[in-house]
Amino acid sequence: MTYTNLLTSGKLNSHLAEIQQTAQRRMEQIVAQMAKAQGATEELKASDQMKWVGLMNNLQNAAEEMVLAELIYS
C-alpha cells in the first residue's frame, strides 16, 4: 500500500503502529540470539560491565540495521 492510500483510508497510524511493534519484536529476537551466540551472559555482566555494555550496544546497533533492511527499507 502506498502512503496516500493509507492516509486517505485512515489506516496510516494503525499500519505504522503494526510495523513498529513488528520491528521491536524482531529486534528483541535478534539481540537475544546474537547475545547468546556472542557470550553476553549475566556472568559477563557481573564480572566486566563495560565489556558487556559495549557488546550489547554493538548487538543492538547490528540488530537495528538488520531490522531496518528487513522491514522498513524493503
Foldseek 3Di string as FASTA:
>chain_A
DDPVVCVVVVNVVVVVVVLVVVLVVQLVVQLVVVCVVVVLDVVCCVPPVVVSVVVSVVSSVVSNVVSCVVRPPD
